[in-house]
Amino acid sequence: MLDWYDAHARDLPWRVPPQSGENADPYRIWLSEIMLQQTTVVTVKAYFERFTARWPTVHALAAEEDAEVMGEWAGLGYYARARNLLKCARAVVAEHGGQFPQTEAQLLTLPGVGPYTAAAVASIAFQQPAAVMDGNIERVMARLFAVDDPLPGSKPALKEHATRLTPMARSGDHAQALMDLGATICTPKSPACGICPLMRACAARKAGIAAELPRKAPKKPKPTRQGYVYVARRADGAILLETRAEKGLLGGMLAFPTSDWSQTPTEAPPFAADWHDPGLEVRHTFTHFHLRLALRLAEATLDTSPQRGEFMPRALFKPSSLPTLMRKAYNLSETRDDSG
């Protein structure tokens, strides 16, 4: 695997090339791994480069205002990661003098750092022999050892296999080699077994079931929740926005006021007005449910005093700072305005 990685390692902005003699920056490894959770490499690259250009060190990130970081994060989704990103950066600065802990156990004590991220940082940044388990490595292990039990129940067995294979030397390169193998050769569909460096050892290839693994337990259908989203503008162009509560979906993010999200939502406009129903609906899917928000529009006067949120001057409002769900609502409201 290491020979293969030396020749075929992917060129990624957070990665140190193999055999370069350079040491990986734990800040960049940690940041990239948090971003890569539930997000593709292609999407993360641009975000990572913007983040590191603006906040090149953990000290710089820790000192930034929450709203600025949340705004840059908008579009990556899973916003609890962004809140934990700031908590972790501040813990590293306040409790560790700006130096990331080097062991898997110590890294696990940081806010928002789970088993995967701890193993990745310990292995890649500090060459600790920690078994890194992402979706790519789980797939490689399932096929290499022909693990027929479906995910997620087979995760402990896959971790055991990966742990046994993790070398003491170059453990970080070994982990990244397995990630690259899963991303480029041992892919979910149509794996290129004929050029795989592990083809002779792969039990699933020998059994002719490589493309069928790993098996997954049937997914439960996602329920659908309903609600209302309120977009209000003043005559001077200011738009009504609020910062959502820290806990919960889109926590700490800038957003338009909404009702509750449920099977039977109750209208909850942020101020009394003639709220217009344009017959438009914002549709969005979260991890565990689909969401449908009916759009409501209103024109506010200069002396309107909302019960929730504040009017942001149009010159300060950046749609790009909104999470994806709210950008959809904004775009729909703009479409309605443009059409008259």
Protein backbone atom coordinates (compact mmCIF):
# COMPACT_ATOMS: atom_id res chain seq x y z
CA MET A 1 0.00 0.00 0.00
CA LEU A 2 2.80 2.44 0.82
CA ASP A 3 4.58 1.77 -2.48
CA TRP A 4 1.31 2.33 -4.32
CA TYR A 5 0.64 5.53 -2.34
CA ASP A 6 4.10 6.91 -3.08
CA ALA A 7 3.29 6.66 -6.78
CA HIS A 8 -0.42 7.51 -6.81
CA ALA A 9 -1.21 9.81 -3.84
CA ARG A 10 -3.88 12.38 -4.59
CA ASP A 11 -2.79 16.03 -4.60
CA LEU A 12 -4.96 17.65 -1.91
CA PRO A 13 -4.47 21.13 -0.42
CA TRP A 14 -4.25 19.87 3.17
CA ARG A 15 -1.93 16.98 2.41
CA VAL A 16 1.87 16.68 2.58
CA PRO A 17 3.22 14.66 -0.39
CA PRO A 18 4.60 11.24 0.59
CA GLN A 19 8.35 10.94 1.10
CA SER A 20 8.70 14.75 0.98
CA GLY A 21 10.23 14.99 4.41
CA GLU A 22 7.66 17.61 5.42
CA ASN A 23 5.56 17.34 8.56
CA ALA A 24 1.81 17.66 8.20
CA ASP A 25 0.25 20.67 9.94
CA PRO A 26 -2.17 19.30 12.57
CA TYR A 27 -4.35 22.42 12.22
CA ARG A 28 -4.83 21.82 8.49
CA ILE A 29 -5.41 18.09 8.97
CA TRP A 30 -7.97 18.72 11.72
CA LEU A 31 -9.77 21.41 9.71
CA SER A 32 -9.93 19.27 6.57
CA GLU A 33 -11.21 16.23 8.44
CA ILE A 34 -13.99 18.21 10.12
CA MET A 35 -15.01 19.62 6.73
CA LEU A 36 -14.85 16.22 5.03
CA GLN A 37 -17.42 14.66 7.36
CA GLN A 38 -20.56 14.07 5.28
CA THR A 39 -19.07 16.20 2.45
CA THR A 40 -17.17 15.36 -0.73
CA VAL A 41 -13.53 16.21 -1.38
CA VAL A 42 -14.51 18.25 -4.45
CA THR A 43 -16.78 20.48 -2.35
CA VAL A 44 -14.36 20.80 0.56
CA LYS A 45 -11.36 21.99 -1.47
CA ALA A 46 -12.71 25.48 -2.11
CA TYR A 47 -13.96 25.92 1.45
CA PHE A 48 -10.66 24.71 2.89
CA GLU A 49 -8.65 27.13 0.78
CA ARG A 50 -10.88 30.07 1.77
CA PHE A 51 -10.72 29.14 5.45
CA THR A 52 -6.95 28.73 5.55
CA ALA A 53 -6.39 31.93 3.58
CA ARG A 54 -8.52 33.86 6.04
CA TRP A 55 -7.52 31.94 9.20
CA PRO A 56 -4.12 30.34 8.57
CA THR A 57 -3.61 29.20 12.18
CA VAL A 58 -5.70 27.83 15.01
CA HIS A 59 -5.01 31.06 16.92
CA ALA A 60 -6.53 33.13 14.10
CA LEU A 61 -9.62 30.92 13.91
CA ALA A 62 -10.10 30.89 17.68
CA ALA A 63 -10.04 34.70 17.80
CA GLU A 64 -12.67 35.17 15.09
CA GLU A 65 -16.29 36.10 15.75
CA ASP A 66 -18.78 33.25 15.52
CA ALA A 67 -20.89 34.93 12.84
CA GLU A 68 -17.92 35.36 10.50
CA VAL A 69 -17.00 31.67 10.69
CA MET A 70 -20.61 30.52 10.36
CA GLY A 71 -20.97 32.72 7.29
CA GLU A 72 -17.93 31.18 5.61
CA TRP A 73 -19.24 27.71 6.52
CA ALA A 74 -22.62 28.33 4.88
CA GLY A 75 -23.28 25.70 2.23
CA LEU A 76 -21.19 22.96 3.81
CA GLY A 77 -24.15 21.78 5.89
CA TYR A 78 -24.23 19.96 9.23
CA TYR A 79 -23.74 23.28 11.02
CA ALA A 80 -23.04 21.73 14.41
CA ARG A 81 -19.61 21.00 12.93
CA ALA A 82 -18.96 24.74 12.51
CA ARG A 83 -20.00 25.49 16.10
CA ASN A 84 -17.77 22.69 17.37
CA LEU A 85 -14.97 23.89 15.09
CA LEU A 86 -14.83 27.17 17.00
CA LYS A 87 -15.17 25.48 20.39
CA CYS A 88 -12.31 23.14 19.55
CA ALA A 89 -10.04 25.89 18.21
CA ARG A 90 -10.61 27.93 21.36
CA ALA A 91 -9.95 24.90 23.58
CA VAL A 92 -6.68 24.18 21.77
CA VAL A 93 -5.57 27.78 22.31
CA ALA A 94 -6.82 28.18 25.87
CA GLU A 95 -5.97 24.74 27.26
CA HIS A 96 -3.08 23.54 25.09
CA GLY A 97 -1.22 26.72 24.23
CA GLY A 98 -2.28 26.53 20.59
CA GLN A 99 -0.71 23.09 20.11
CA PHE A 100 -2.91 20.15 19.17
CA PRO A 101 -2.53 17.11 21.46
CA GLN A 102 -0.64 14.30 19.75
CA THR A 103 -2.38 11.12 20.94
CA GLU A 104 -5.74 9.72 19.95
CA ALA A 105 -6.90 9.67 23.58
CA GLN A 106 -5.93 13.31 24.18
CA LEU A 107 -7.51 14.46 20.94
CA LEU A 108 -10.79 12.81 21.94
CA THR A 109 -11.06 15.24 24.86
CA LEU A 110 -11.43 18.20 22.48
CA PRO A 111 -14.93 19.55 21.65
CA GLY A 112 -16.38 18.07 18.49
CA VAL A 113 -13.55 15.56 17.98
CA GLY A 114 -14.84 12.01 17.63
CA PRO A 115 -13.07 8.69 17.04
CA TYR A 116 -12.56 9.24 13.31
CA THR A 117 -11.12 12.75 13.56
CA ALA A 118 -8.95 11.85 16.55
CA ALA A 119 -7.48 8.86 14.73
CA ALA A 120 -6.94 10.87 11.54
CA VAL A 121 -5.09 13.73 13.26
CA ALA A 122 -3.04 11.40 15.48
CA SER A 123 -2.09 9.25 12.52
CA ILE A 124 -1.56 11.78 9.74
CA ALA A 125 -0.19 14.73 11.72
CA PHE A 126 1.73 12.87 14.43
CA GLN A 127 2.38 9.40 12.92
CA GLN A 128 0.65 7.63 15.80
CA PRO A 129 -0.47 4.07 14.86
CA ALA A 130 -4.20 4.84 15.02
CA ALA A 131 -6.67 3.04 12.76
CA VAL A 132 -8.58 5.65 10.74
CA MET A 133 -12.07 4.56 9.69
CA ASP A 134 -13.93 6.55 7.04
CA GLY A 135 -16.35 5.25 4.44
CA ASN A 136 -13.57 4.51 1.96
CA ILE A 137 -11.56 2.45 4.45
CA GLU A 138 -14.64 0.60 5.67
CA ARG A 139 -15.36 -0.40 2.08
CA VAL A 140 -11.77 -1.56 1.50
CA MET A 141 -11.81 -3.64 4.69
CA ALA A 142 -15.21 -5.16 3.91
CA ARG A 143 -13.96 -6.31 0.52
CA LEU A 144 -10.44 -7.28 1.54
CA PHE A 145 -11.78 -9.62 4.23
CA ALA A 146 -15.16 -10.40 2.59
CA VAL A 147 -17.16 -9.14 5.58
CA ASP A 148 -20.71 -10.07 4.63
CA ASP A 149 -22.53 -8.58 7.63
CA PRO A 150 -24.23 -5.28 6.74
CA LEU A 151 -23.27 -1.84 7.98
CA PRO A 152 -23.52 -0.30 10.49
CA GLY A 153 -23.43 -3.53 12.52
CA SER A 154 -20.17 -4.66 10.91
CA LYS A 155 -18.25 -1.51 11.91
CA PRO A 156 -16.49 -3.09 14.94
CA ALA A 157 -15.25 -6.02 12.84
CA LEU A 158 -14.00 -3.69 10.12
CA LYS A 159 -12.20 -1.58 12.73
CA GLU A 160 -10.48 -4.70 14.07
CA HIS A 161 -9.21 -5.60 10.61
CA ALA A 162 -7.93 -2.07 10.02
CA THR A 163 -6.23 -1.96 13.41
CA ARG A 164 -4.32 -5.16 12.71
CA LEU A 165 -3.08 -3.77 9.39
CA THR A 166 -1.99 -0.37 10.71
CA PRO A 167 1.83 -0.20 10.72
CA MET A 168 3.94 1.50 13.36
CA ALA A 169 5.94 3.35 10.69
CA ARG A 170 4.27 5.78 8.24
CA SER A 171 0.86 5.07 9.76
CA GLY A 172 -0.47 8.37 8.44
CA ASP A 173 0.57 7.57 4.87
CA HIS A 174 -0.95 4.10 5.30
CA ALA A 175 -4.29 5.61 6.33
CA GLN A 176 -4.25 8.08 3.44
CA ALA A 177 -3.29 5.29 1.06
CA LEU A 178 -6.39 3.33 2.07
CA MET A 179 -8.54 6.45 1.70
CA ASP A 180 -7.15 7.06 -1.79
CA LEU A 181 -7.60 3.43 -2.74
CA GLY A 182 -11.26 3.57 -1.79
CA ALA A 183 -11.76 6.90 -3.54
CA THR A 184 -10.08 5.98 -6.84
CA ILE A 185 -9.99 2.19 -7.29
CA CYS A 186 -12.07 0.36 -4.66
CA THR A 187 -15.04 2.58 -5.46
CA PRO A 188 -18.65 1.91 -4.37
CA LYS A 189 -19.70 0.91 -7.87
CA SER A 190 -17.64 -0.92 -10.49
CA PRO A 191 -14.39 -1.26 -8.49
CA ALA A 192 -11.30 -1.45 -10.70
CA CYS A 193 -10.07 -4.71 -9.21
CA GLY A 194 -7.70 -5.37 -12.12
CA ILE A 195 -5.38 -2.51 -11.11
CA CYS A 196 -5.79 -2.74 -7.34
CA PRO A 197 -2.55 -3.26 -5.37
CA LEU A 198 -4.48 -5.54 -2.98
CA MET A 199 -6.14 -7.67 -5.67
CA ARG A 200 -4.27 -10.88 -4.80
CA ALA A 201 -5.15 -10.64 -1.13
CA CYS A 202 -8.78 -9.54 -1.60
CA ALA A 203 -11.21 -12.22 -0.42
CA ALA A 204 -14.22 -10.50 -1.98
CA ARG A 205 -12.56 -10.40 -5.40
CA LYS A 206 -11.76 -14.10 -5.16
CA ALA A 207 -15.39 -14.82 -4.26
CA GLY A 208 -16.69 -12.58 -7.03
CA ILE A 209 -18.65 -10.37 -4.65
CA ALA A 210 -16.47 -7.26 -4.43
CA ALA A 211 -19.05 -4.98 -6.05
CA GLU A 212 -21.71 -6.21 -3.60
CA LEU A 213 -19.80 -5.19 -0.46
CA PRO A 214 -20.14 -3.63 1.96
CA ARG A 215 -23.74 -4.58 2.46
CA LYS A 216 -25.97 -2.07 4.15
CA ALA A 217 -29.03 -2.53 6.30
CA PRO A 218 -32.22 -1.23 4.63
CA LYS A 219 -32.80 2.45 5.28
CA LYS A 220 -35.95 3.56 7.00
CA PRO A 221 -38.03 6.00 4.93
CA LYS A 222 -37.53 9.62 5.93
CA PRO A 223 -40.56 11.42 7.36
CA THR A 224 -41.62 14.81 6.00
CA ARG A 225 -42.03 17.84 8.25
CA GLN A 226 -43.89 21.02 7.35
CA GLY A 227 -43.54 24.66 8.38
CA TYR A 228 -43.55 28.29 7.31
CA VAL A 229 -40.67 30.65 6.50
CA TYR A 230 -41.18 34.42 6.72
CA VAL A 231 -39.31 36.83 4.42
CA ALA A 232 -39.96 40.49 5.21
CA ARG A 233 -38.46 43.60 3.63
CA ARG A 234 -38.71 47.24 4.55
CA ALA A 235 -39.11 50.07 2.06
CA ASP A 236 -35.41 50.92 2.49
CA GLY A 237 -34.43 47.41 1.41
CA ALA A 238 -33.56 46.08 4.89
CA ILE A 239 -34.44 42.42 5.36
CA LEU A 240 -35.58 40.67 8.54
CA LEU A 241 -33.17 38.05 9.86
CA GLU A 242 -32.52 36.30 13.14
CA THR A 243 -29.74 34.20 14.63
CA ARG A 244 -31.08 30.74 15.39
CA ALA A 245 -30.62 29.19 18.82
CA GLU A 246 -27.26 27.53 19.39
CA LYS A 247 -28.76 24.08 19.83
CA GLY A 248 -30.65 22.30 17.07
CA LEU A 249 -30.55 22.34 13.30
CA LEU A 250 -28.89 25.40 11.76
CA GLY A 251 -27.86 26.38 15.29
CA GLY A 252 -26.17 29.76 15.51
CA MET A 253 -26.82 30.47 11.84
CA LEU A 254 -28.30 33.61 10.31
CA ALA A 255 -31.80 32.77 9.06
CA PHE A 256 -35.26 34.01 8.21
CA PRO A 257 -37.78 33.47 10.99
CA THR A 258 -39.74 30.24 10.70
CA SER A 259 -42.54 28.44 12.44
CA ASP A 260 -41.99 25.11 14.15
CA TRP A 261 -41.14 22.18 11.87
CA SER A 262 -43.61 19.36 12.45
CA GLN A 263 -46.42 17.31 10.92
CA THR A 264 -48.92 20.01 11.93
CA PRO A 265 -47.04 23.33 12.15
CA THR A 266 -48.60 26.48 13.60
CA GLU A 267 -48.13 29.80 11.81
CA ALA A 268 -45.83 32.07 13.84
CA PRO A 269 -45.11 35.32 11.94
CA PRO A 270 -42.47 37.56 13.53
CA PHE A 271 -44.77 40.58 13.48
CA ALA A 272 -48.40 41.36 12.62
CA ALA A 273 -48.82 42.14 8.93
CA ASP A 274 -50.68 41.14 5.80
CA TRP A 275 -48.45 38.14 5.07
CA HIS A 276 -48.80 37.11 1.46
CA ASP A 277 -48.92 33.48 0.35
CA PRO A 278 -47.26 33.31 -3.10
CA GLY A 279 -47.96 29.59 -3.38
CA LEU A 280 -44.27 28.71 -3.22
CA GLU A 281 -42.60 26.08 -1.07
CA VAL A 282 -38.99 25.65 0.04
CA ARG A 283 -37.92 22.02 -0.13
CA HIS A 284 -34.88 20.70 1.67
CA THR A 285 -33.65 17.35 2.98
CA PHE A 286 -31.79 16.86 6.23
CA THR A 287 -30.17 13.63 7.40
CA HIS A 288 -33.28 12.26 9.08
CA PHE A 289 -36.21 14.02 7.42
CA HIS A 290 -37.52 16.00 4.45
CA LEU A 291 -38.64 19.57 5.10
CA ARG A 292 -41.27 21.61 3.29
CA LEU A 293 -41.57 25.29 4.25
CA ALA A 294 -44.41 27.39 2.82
CA LEU A 295 -43.12 30.85 1.89
CA ARG A 296 -44.76 33.91 3.40
CA LEU A 297 -43.88 37.47 2.26
CA ALA A 298 -44.55 40.87 3.80
CA GLU A 299 -43.58 44.51 3.34
CA ALA A 300 -42.66 46.22 6.61
CA THR A 301 -42.73 49.91 7.48
CA LEU A 302 -39.70 51.77 8.80
CA ASP A 303 -41.17 51.71 12.31
CA THR A 304 -42.04 47.98 12.30
CA SER A 305 -40.85 46.37 15.54
CA PRO A 306 -40.58 42.59 15.05
CA GLN A 307 -41.04 40.21 17.94
CA ARG A 308 -38.19 38.12 16.56
CA GLY A 309 -35.07 39.07 14.67
CA GLU A 310 -33.80 42.41 13.41
CA PHE A 311 -33.83 44.22 10.10
CA MET A 312 -30.42 44.07 8.44
CA PRO A 313 -29.55 46.91 6.04
CA ARG A 314 -29.47 45.72 2.45
CA ALA A 315 -25.85 46.85 2.08
CA LEU A 316 -24.78 44.48 4.86
CA PHE A 317 -26.85 41.50 3.78
CA LYS A 318 -24.98 38.73 1.95
CA PRO A 319 -27.15 35.83 0.72
CA SER A 320 -23.99 33.70 0.65
CA SER A 321 -23.86 33.89 4.46
CA LEU A 322 -27.16 32.05 4.73
CA PRO A 323 -27.35 28.26 5.11
CA THR A 324 -28.57 26.45 2.00
CA LEU A 325 -32.15 26.11 3.24
CA MET A 326 -32.44 29.85 3.80
CA ARG A 327 -30.77 30.71 0.50
CA LYS A 328 -33.49 28.65 -1.18
CA ALA A 329 -36.12 30.74 0.61
CA TYR A 330 -34.36 33.97 -0.39
CA ASN A 331 -34.08 32.89 -4.03
CA LEU A 332 -37.78 32.01 -4.10
CA SER A 333 -38.71 35.38 -2.61
CA GLU A 334 -36.55 37.12 -5.24
CA THR A 335 -38.24 35.15 -8.00
CA ARG A 336 -41.60 36.25 -6.71
CA ASP A 337 -40.48 39.88 -6.54
CA ASP A 338 -39.06 39.79 -10.04
CA SER A 339 -42.27 38.36 -11.43
CA GLY A 340 -44.30 41.11 -9.78
